[in-house]
């Protein structure tokens, strides 16, 4: 069987890409401020919330999560709920026919393994082991795993969502042809582990406020001097 290629082996000029980090991080911190990690949700809430967030926006995710919490008193009730009832509860998140079974499957696996509805055992595993366990769950990919570990446990994992993927390719952190799944370890190589949480949120905010998908506001971007996309556009103009 052929060896799976390390994502970092797919990245050319990695040192040059890493060199962009310091000035960009400083500029984004000047705009969006310094951010310290704090736990807003426990691991189970974060995991289920992440499943609901797939292929939808934060508003729809939060509506679905609130409805789920209102209708079911605990995770055991969610696990053994009639599937149609759970689908109806999480419908605001979209793709409810897929997400409801994924939630119940995750709860079943977690309880059979731990005897409780908790994934706090992940904090005792190595980072690689914790990531591998999470992605072994049906419907859980590298992004969800990284979000759970970073946000619920403060572990050094760098989640790459659509905003970060777009912004990081434009800046030049990521090669144009790199896949979203491969982007996670590359971003972990570029940013210092202590900065993962802050830089993740800053890049998302920058993608929402300035580096829009259709028409980025390059004229007011604080990091245009370090951006490959801006340099290429300026050369054409």
C-alpha atoms as a PDB file:
ATOM      1  CA  UNK A   1       0.000   0.000   0.000  1.00  0.00           C
ATOM      2  CA  UNK A   2       1.357   3.407  -0.967  1.00  0.00           C
ATOM      3  CA  UNK A   3       2.272   5.769   1.870  1.00  0.00           C
ATOM      4  CA  UNK A   4      -0.200   8.584   2.361  1.00  0.00           C
ATOM      5  CA  UNK A   5       1.541  11.791   1.439  1.00  0.00           C
ATOM      6  CA  UNK A   6       2.068  14.292   4.254  1.00  0.00           C
ATOM      7  CA  UNK A   7       0.130  17.504   3.414  1.00  0.00           C
ATOM      8  CA  UNK A   8       3.253  19.543   4.182  1.00  0.00           C
ATOM      9  CA  UNK A   9       5.010  17.750   1.335  1.00  0.00           C
ATOM     10  CA  UNK A  10       2.457  19.294  -1.020  1.00  0.00           C
ATOM     11  CA  UNK A  11       3.401  22.839  -0.025  1.00  0.00           C
ATOM     12  CA  UNK A  12       6.092  24.672  -1.925  1.00  0.00           C
ATOM     13  CA  UNK A  13       8.043  27.558  -0.367  1.00  0.00           C
ATOM     14  CA  UNK A  14       6.802  26.707   3.117  1.00  0.00           C
ATOM     15  CA  UNK A  15       9.365  28.962   4.809  1.00  0.00           C
ATOM     16  CA  UNK A  16       8.198  31.941   2.741  1.00  0.00           C
ATOM     17  CA  UNK A  17       4.590  31.169   3.631  1.00  0.00           C
ATOM     18  CA  UNK A  18       5.506  30.960   7.325  1.00  0.00           C
ATOM     19  CA  UNK A  19       7.291  34.319   7.067  1.00  0.00           C
ATOM     20  CA  UNK A  20       3.965  35.963   6.235  1.00  0.00           C
ATOM     21  CA  UNK A  21       2.520  34.997   9.601  1.00  0.00           C
ATOM     22  CA  UNK A  22       4.161  37.539  11.927  1.00  0.00           C
ATOM     23  CA  UNK A  23       3.245  40.750  10.034  1.00  0.00           C
ATOM     24  CA  UNK A  24      -0.244  39.480   9.214  1.00  0.00           C
ATOM     25  CA  UNK A  25      -0.936  38.403  12.797  1.00  0.00           C
ATOM     26  CA  UNK A  26       0.242  41.775  14.085  1.00  0.00           C
ATOM     27  CA  UNK A  27      -1.960  43.654  11.616  1.00  0.00           C
ATOM     28  CA  UNK A  28      -5.061  41.571  12.360  1.00  0.00           C
ATOM     29  CA  UNK A  29      -4.515  41.898  16.112  1.00  0.00           C
ATOM     30  CA  UNK A  30      -4.342  45.662  15.690  1.00  0.00           C
ATOM     31  CA  UNK A  31      -7.754  45.559  14.004  1.00  0.00           C
ATOM     32  CA  UNK A  32      -9.589  42.817  15.893  1.00  0.00           C
ATOM     33  CA  UNK A  33      -7.765  42.821  19.232  1.00  0.00           C
ATOM     34  CA  UNK A  34      -6.178  40.083  21.306  1.00  0.00           C
ATOM     35  CA  UNK A  35      -8.323  37.087  22.163  1.00  0.00           C
ATOM     36  CA  UNK A  36      -7.856  34.619  25.024  1.00  0.00           C
ATOM     37  CA  UNK A  37      -9.326  31.128  24.927  1.00  0.00           C
ATOM     38  CA  UNK A  38     -12.301  30.492  27.165  1.00  0.00           C
ATOM     39  CA  UNK A  39     -14.604  27.502  27.235  1.00  0.00           C
ATOM     40  CA  UNK A  40     -18.109  28.480  26.142  1.00  0.00           C
ATOM     41  CA  UNK A  41     -19.460  24.931  25.714  1.00  0.00           C
ATOM     42  CA  UNK A  42     -18.467  21.525  27.018  1.00  0.00           C
ATOM     43  CA  UNK A  43     -17.224  18.874  24.634  1.00  0.00           C
ATOM     44  CA  UNK A  44     -20.586  17.230  23.980  1.00  0.00           C
ATOM     45  CA  UNK A  45     -22.331  20.529  23.258  1.00  0.00           C
ATOM     46  CA  UNK A  46     -19.485  21.550  20.959  1.00  0.00           C
ATOM     47  CA  UNK A  47     -19.565  18.247  19.072  1.00  0.00           C
ATOM     48  CA  UNK A  48     -23.312  18.282  18.471  1.00  0.00           C
ATOM     49  CA  UNK A  49     -23.255  21.975  17.614  1.00  0.00           C
ATOM     50  CA  UNK A  50     -20.523  21.279  15.046  1.00  0.00           C
ATOM     51  CA  UNK A  51     -22.570  18.508  13.430  1.00  0.00           C
ATOM     52  CA  UNK A  52     -25.476  20.925  13.141  1.00  0.00           C
ATOM     53  CA  UNK A  53     -23.212  23.633  11.684  1.00  0.00           C
ATOM     54  CA  UNK A  54     -22.229  21.577   8.654  1.00  0.00           C
ATOM     55  CA  UNK A  55     -23.326  23.239   5.384  1.00  0.00           C
ATOM     56  CA  UNK A  56     -25.272  26.023   7.098  1.00  0.00           C
ATOM     57  CA  UNK A  57     -24.689  29.352   8.831  1.00  0.00           C
ATOM     58  CA  UNK A  58     -24.270  30.139  12.514  1.00  0.00           C
ATOM     59  CA  UNK A  59     -27.809  31.477  12.902  1.00  0.00           C
ATOM     60  CA  UNK A  60     -29.431  28.289  11.617  1.00  0.00           C
ATOM     61  CA  UNK A  61     -27.068  26.148  13.683  1.00  0.00           C
ATOM     62  CA  UNK A  62     -27.909  28.037  16.858  1.00  0.00           C
ATOM     63  CA  UNK A  63     -31.656  27.834  16.194  1.00  0.00           C
ATOM     64  CA  UNK A  64     -31.442  24.080  15.702  1.00  0.00           C
ATOM     65  CA  UNK A  65     -29.253  23.571  18.774  1.00  0.00           C
ATOM     66  CA  UNK A  66     -31.629  25.618  20.943  1.00  0.00           C
ATOM     67  CA  UNK A  67     -34.635  23.611  19.706  1.00  0.00           C
ATOM     68  CA  UNK A  68     -32.832  20.338  20.416  1.00  0.00           C
ATOM     69  CA  UNK A  69     -32.034  21.457  23.974  1.00  0.00           C
ATOM     70  CA  UNK A  70     -35.614  22.640  24.528  1.00  0.00           C
ATOM     71  CA  UNK A  71     -37.224  19.421  23.329  1.00  0.00           C
ATOM     72  CA  UNK A  72     -34.936  16.854  24.968  1.00  0.00           C
ATOM     73  CA  UNK A  73     -33.866  16.943  28.643  1.00  0.00           C
ATOM     74  CA  UNK A  74     -30.528  15.186  28.186  1.00  0.00           C
ATOM     75  CA  UNK A  75     -28.316  13.338  25.697  1.00  0.00           C
ATOM     76  CA  UNK A  76     -29.846   9.981  26.543  1.00  0.00           C
ATOM     77  CA  UNK A  77     -33.235  11.314  25.468  1.00  0.00           C
ATOM     78  CA  UNK A  78     -31.684  12.533  22.217  1.00  0.00           C
ATOM     79  CA  UNK A  79     -30.033   9.175  21.587  1.00  0.00           C
ATOM     80  CA  UNK A  80     -33.258   7.195  22.011  1.00  0.00           C
ATOM     81  CA  UNK A  81     -35.631   9.769  20.492  1.00  0.00           C
ATOM     82  CA  UNK A  82     -37.808   8.775  17.581  1.00  0.00           C
ATOM     83  CA  UNK A  83     -35.762   9.725  14.554  1.00  0.00           C
ATOM     84  CA  UNK A  84     -38.605  11.783  13.068  1.00  0.00           C
ATOM     85  CA  UNK A  85     -38.820  13.822  16.270  1.00  0.00           C
ATOM     86  CA  UNK A  86     -35.106  14.531  16.268  1.00  0.00           C
ATOM     87  CA  UNK A  87     -35.172  15.424  12.579  1.00  0.00           C
ATOM     88  CA  UNK A  88     -37.948  17.915  13.260  1.00  0.00           C
ATOM     89  CA  UNK A  89     -36.025  19.437  16.182  1.00  0.00           C
ATOM     90  CA  UNK A  90     -32.875  20.098  14.176  1.00  0.00           C
ATOM     91  CA  UNK A  91     -34.605  21.029  10.920  1.00  0.00           C
ATOM     92  CA  UNK A  92     -33.524  24.713  11.055  1.00  0.00           C
ATOM     93  CA  UNK A  93     -29.912  23.582  10.508  1.00  0.00           C
ATOM     94  CA  UNK A  94     -30.779  22.000   7.172  1.00  0.00           C
ATOM     95  CA  UNK A  95     -29.889  18.471   6.036  1.00  0.00           C
ATOM     96  CA  UNK A  96     -31.769  17.239   9.106  1.00  0.00           C
ATOM     97  CA  UNK A  97     -32.246  13.764   7.620  1.00  0.00           C
ATOM     98  CA  UNK A  98     -28.449  13.376   7.665  1.00  0.00           C
ATOM     99  CA  UNK A  99     -27.572  15.282  10.820  1.00  0.00           C
ATOM    100  CA  UNK A 100     -30.082  13.646  13.178  1.00  0.00           C
ATOM    101  CA  UNK A 101     -28.781  10.083  12.555  1.00  0.00           C
ATOM    102  CA  UNK A 102     -25.194  11.340  12.852  1.00  0.00           C
ATOM    103  CA  UNK A 103     -25.956  12.803  16.268  1.00  0.00           C
ATOM    104  CA  UNK A 104     -27.596   9.600  17.471  1.00  0.00           C
ATOM    105  CA  UNK A 105     -24.754   7.477  16.105  1.00  0.00           C
ATOM    106  CA  UNK A 106     -22.169   9.647  17.875  1.00  0.00           C
ATOM    107  CA  UNK A 107     -24.082   9.410  21.153  1.00  0.00           C
ATOM    108  CA  UNK A 108     -24.318   5.626  20.847  1.00  0.00           C
ATOM    109  CA  UNK A 109     -20.588   5.253  20.183  1.00  0.00           C
ATOM    110  CA  UNK A 110     -19.650   7.613  23.014  1.00  0.00           C
ATOM    111  CA  UNK A 111     -21.877   5.889  25.583  1.00  0.00           C
ATOM    112  CA  UNK A 112     -20.750   2.383  24.622  1.00  0.00           C
ATOM    113  CA  UNK A 113     -17.142   3.473  24.979  1.00  0.00           C
ATOM    114  CA  UNK A 114     -17.346   5.560  28.163  1.00  0.00           C
ATOM    115  CA  UNK A 115     -20.573   4.565  29.921  1.00  0.00           C
ATOM    116  CA  UNK A 116     -21.620   8.219  29.903  1.00  0.00           C
ATOM    117  CA  UNK A 117     -22.371  11.023  27.485  1.00  0.00           C
ATOM    118  CA  UNK A 118     -19.051  12.789  27.704  1.00  0.00           C
ATOM    119  CA  UNK A 119     -15.980  13.140  25.512  1.00  0.00           C
ATOM    120  CA  UNK A 120     -13.789  14.677  28.197  1.00  0.00           C
ATOM    121  CA  UNK A 121     -11.542  11.627  27.902  1.00  0.00           C
ATOM    122  CA  UNK A 122     -10.184  13.272  24.733  1.00  0.00           C
ATOM    123  CA  UNK A 123      -8.277  15.723  26.879  1.00  0.00           C
ATOM    124  CA  UNK A 124      -6.214  12.824  28.228  1.00  0.00           C
ATOM    125  CA  UNK A 125      -5.231  11.583  24.768  1.00  0.00           C
ATOM    126  CA  UNK A 126      -2.432  12.902  22.607  1.00  0.00           C
ATOM    127  CA  UNK A 127      -3.586  15.446  20.049  1.00  0.00           C
ATOM    128  CA  UNK A 128      -3.185  12.984  17.179  1.00  0.00           C
ATOM    129  CA  UNK A 129      -5.095  10.285  19.055  1.00  0.00           C
ATOM    130  CA  UNK A 130      -7.910  12.693  19.904  1.00  0.00           C
ATOM    131  CA  UNK A 131      -8.202  13.850  16.296  1.00  0.00           C
ATOM    132  CA  UNK A 132      -8.185  10.264  15.032  1.00  0.00           C
ATOM    133  CA  UNK A 133     -10.924   9.239  17.456  1.00  0.00           C
ATOM    134  CA  UNK A 134     -13.161  12.137  16.494  1.00  0.00           C
ATOM    135  CA  UNK A 135     -12.825  11.600  12.743  1.00  0.00           C
ATOM    136  CA  UNK A 136     -13.663   7.924  13.274  1.00  0.00           C
ATOM    137  CA  UNK A 137     -17.221   9.050  14.051  1.00  0.00           C
ATOM    138  CA  UNK A 138     -19.545   8.998  11.065  1.00  0.00           C
ATOM    139  CA  UNK A 139     -19.862  12.444   9.504  1.00  0.00           C
ATOM    140  CA  UNK A 140     -16.989  13.995  11.480  1.00  0.00           C
ATOM    141  CA  UNK A 141     -14.087  15.418   9.489  1.00  0.00           C
ATOM    142  CA  UNK A 142     -10.874  17.267  10.316  1.00  0.00           C
ATOM    143  CA  UNK A 143     -12.596  20.654  10.684  1.00  0.00           C
ATOM    144  CA  UNK A 144     -15.129  19.435  13.249  1.00  0.00           C
ATOM    145  CA  UNK A 145     -12.437  17.542  15.138  1.00  0.00           C
ATOM    146  CA  UNK A 146     -10.232  20.636  15.291  1.00  0.00           C
ATOM    147  CA  UNK A 147     -13.098  22.864  16.428  1.00  0.00           C
ATOM    148  CA  UNK A 148     -14.044  20.504  19.261  1.00  0.00           C
ATOM    149  CA  UNK A 149     -10.460  20.180  20.462  1.00  0.00           C
ATOM    150  CA  UNK A 150      -9.623  23.876  20.122  1.00  0.00           C
ATOM    151  CA  UNK A 151     -12.815  25.420  21.451  1.00  0.00           C
ATOM    152  CA  UNK A 152     -13.955  22.899  24.063  1.00  0.00           C
ATOM    153  CA  UNK A 153     -10.536  21.855  25.383  1.00  0.00           C
ATOM    154  CA  UNK A 154      -8.098  24.586  24.391  1.00  0.00           C
ATOM    155  CA  UNK A 155      -5.955  22.051  22.531  1.00  0.00           C
ATOM    156  CA  UNK A 156      -3.546  23.234  19.802  1.00  0.00           C
ATOM    157  CA  UNK A 157      -5.666  22.318  16.781  1.00  0.00           C
ATOM    158  CA  UNK A 158      -6.321  24.809  13.980  1.00  0.00           C
ATOM    159  CA  UNK A 159      -9.802  24.551  12.424  1.00  0.00           C
ATOM    160  CA  UNK A 160     -10.075  25.674   8.796  1.00  0.00           C
ATOM    161  CA  UNK A 161     -13.560  26.779   7.776  1.00  0.00           C
ATOM    162  CA  UNK A 162     -14.652  28.265   4.439  1.00  0.00           C
ATOM    163  CA  UNK A 163     -13.600  31.813   5.412  1.00  0.00           C
ATOM    164  CA  UNK A 164     -10.147  30.727   6.569  1.00  0.00           C
ATOM    165  CA  UNK A 165      -9.666  28.486   3.531  1.00  0.00           C
ATOM    166  CA  UNK A 166     -10.498  31.355   1.164  1.00  0.00           C
ATOM    167  CA  UNK A 167      -8.531  34.043   2.995  1.00  0.00           C
ATOM    168  CA  UNK A 168      -5.491  31.829   3.533  1.00  0.00           C
ATOM    169  CA  UNK A 169      -5.293  30.920  -0.152  1.00  0.00           C
ATOM    170  CA  UNK A 170      -5.536  34.571  -1.162  1.00  0.00           C
ATOM    171  CA  UNK A 171      -2.868  35.607   1.318  1.00  0.00           C
ATOM    172  CA  UNK A 172      -0.572  32.814   0.188  1.00  0.00           C
ATOM    173  CA  UNK A 173      -0.496  30.678   3.309  1.00  0.00           C
ATOM    174  CA  UNK A 174      -1.965  27.800   1.301  1.00  0.00           C
ATOM    175  CA  UNK A 175      -1.187  26.655  -2.254  1.00  0.00           C
ATOM    176  CA  UNK A 176      -4.069  27.142  -4.665  1.00  0.00           C
ATOM    177  CA  UNK A 177      -4.631  23.416  -5.283  1.00  0.00           C
ATOM    178  CA  UNK A 178      -4.418  22.271  -1.658  1.00  0.00           C
ATOM    179  CA  UNK A 179      -7.593  20.580  -0.377  1.00  0.00           C
ATOM    180  CA  UNK A 180      -9.572  21.793   2.625  1.00  0.00           C
ATOM    181  CA  UNK A 181      -8.701  18.679   4.642  1.00  0.00           C
ATOM    182  CA  UNK A 182      -4.979  19.132   3.964  1.00  0.00           C
ATOM    183  CA  UNK A 183      -5.189  22.801   4.965  1.00  0.00           C
ATOM    184  CA  UNK A 184      -5.469  22.002   8.688  1.00  0.00           C
ATOM    185  CA  UNK A 185      -1.945  20.644   9.239  1.00  0.00           C
ATOM    186  CA  UNK A 186      -0.489  23.336   6.981  1.00  0.00           C
ATOM    187  CA  UNK A 187      -2.060  26.130   9.015  1.00  0.00           C
ATOM    188  CA  UNK A 188      -0.834  24.381  12.161  1.00  0.00           C
ATOM    189  CA  UNK A 189       2.673  24.544  10.722  1.00  0.00           C
ATOM    190  CA  UNK A 190       2.365  28.239   9.841  1.00  0.00           C
ATOM    191  CA  UNK A 191       0.941  29.682  13.074  1.00  0.00           C
ATOM    192  CA  UNK A 192       2.448  29.120  16.551  1.00  0.00           C
ATOM    193  CA  UNK A 193       0.292  26.713  18.611  1.00  0.00           C
ATOM    194  CA  UNK A 194      -0.322  29.312  21.307  1.00  0.00           C
ATOM    195  CA  UNK A 195      -1.925  31.551  18.676  1.00  0.00           C
ATOM    196  CA  UNK A 196      -4.235  29.014  17.001  1.00  0.00           C
ATOM    197  CA  UNK A 197      -7.407  30.108  18.798  1.00  0.00           C
ATOM    198  CA  UNK A 198      -6.835  33.825  18.296  1.00  0.00           C
ATOM    199  CA  UNK A 199      -5.619  33.595  14.700  1.00  0.00           C
ATOM    200  CA  UNK A 200      -8.489  31.279  13.733  1.00  0.00           C
ATOM    201  CA  UNK A 201     -11.065  33.808  14.944  1.00  0.00           C
ATOM    202  CA  UNK A 202      -9.201  36.771  13.449  1.00  0.00           C
ATOM    203  CA  UNK A 203      -9.081  35.169   9.994  1.00  0.00           C
ATOM    204  CA  UNK A 204     -12.790  34.359  10.143  1.00  0.00           C
ATOM    205  CA  UNK A 205     -13.576  37.935  11.152  1.00  0.00           C
ATOM    206  CA  UNK A 206     -11.383  39.259   8.369  1.00  0.00           C
ATOM    207  CA  UNK A 207     -13.151  37.037   5.858  1.00  0.00           C
ATOM    208  CA  UNK A 208     -16.533  38.319   6.998  1.00  0.00           C
ATOM    209  CA  UNK A 209     -15.587  41.984   7.273  1.00  0.00           C
ATOM    210  CA  UNK A 210     -13.128  42.558   4.439  1.00  0.00           C
ATOM    211  CA  UNK A 211     -11.969  39.573   2.382  1.00  0.00           C
ATOM    212  CA  UNK A 212     -15.412  38.702   1.034  1.00  0.00           C
ATOM    213  CA  UNK A 213     -15.901  35.723  -1.254  1.00  0.00           C
ATOM    214  CA  UNK A 214     -17.232  37.626  -4.274  1.00  0.00           C
ATOM    215  CA  UNK A 215     -15.686  41.057  -3.936  1.00  0.00           C
ATOM    216  CA  UNK A 216     -12.881  41.476  -1.395  1.00  0.00           C
ATOM    217  CA  UNK A 217     -12.448  45.020  -0.107  1.00  0.00           C
ATOM    218  CA  UNK A 218      -8.734  45.177  -0.902  1.00  0.00           C
ATOM    219  CA  UNK A 219      -8.714  48.970  -0.818  1.00  0.00           C
ATOM    220  CA  UNK A 220      -9.197  48.966   2.960  1.00  0.00           C
ATOM    221  CA  UNK A 221      -7.461  45.695   3.813  1.00  0.00           C
ATOM    222  CA  UNK A 222      -4.802  46.010   6.550  1.00  0.00           C
ATOM    223  CA  UNK A 223      -2.791  43.077   5.191  1.00  0.00           C
ATOM    224  CA  UNK A 224      -2.792  43.856   1.460  1.00  0.00           C
ATOM    225  CA  UNK A 225       1.000  44.318   1.458  1.00  0.00           C
ATOM    226  CA  UNK A 226       1.438  40.660   2.421  1.00  0.00           C
ATOM    227  CA  UNK A 227      -1.345  39.312   0.185  1.00  0.00           C
ATOM    228  CA  UNK A 228      -0.575  37.335  -2.982  1.00  0.00           C
ATOM    229  CA  UNK A 229      -4.056  37.951  -4.361  1.00  0.00           C
ATOM    230  CA  UNK A 230      -3.675  41.743  -4.037  1.00  0.00           C
ATOM    231  CA  UNK A 231      -0.203  41.639  -5.579  1.00  0.00           C
ATOM    232  CA  UNK A 232      -1.467  39.690  -8.582  1.00  0.00           C
ATOM    233  CA  UNK A 233      -4.472  41.979  -9.038  1.00  0.00           C
ATOM    234  CA  UNK A 234      -2.288  45.085  -8.801  1.00  0.00           C
ATOM    235  CA  UNK A 235       0.105  43.703 -11.427  1.00  0.00           C
ATOM    236  CA  UNK A 236      -2.753  43.252 -13.890  1.00  0.00           C
ATOM    237  CA  UNK A 237      -4.296  46.684 -13.246  1.00  0.00           C
END
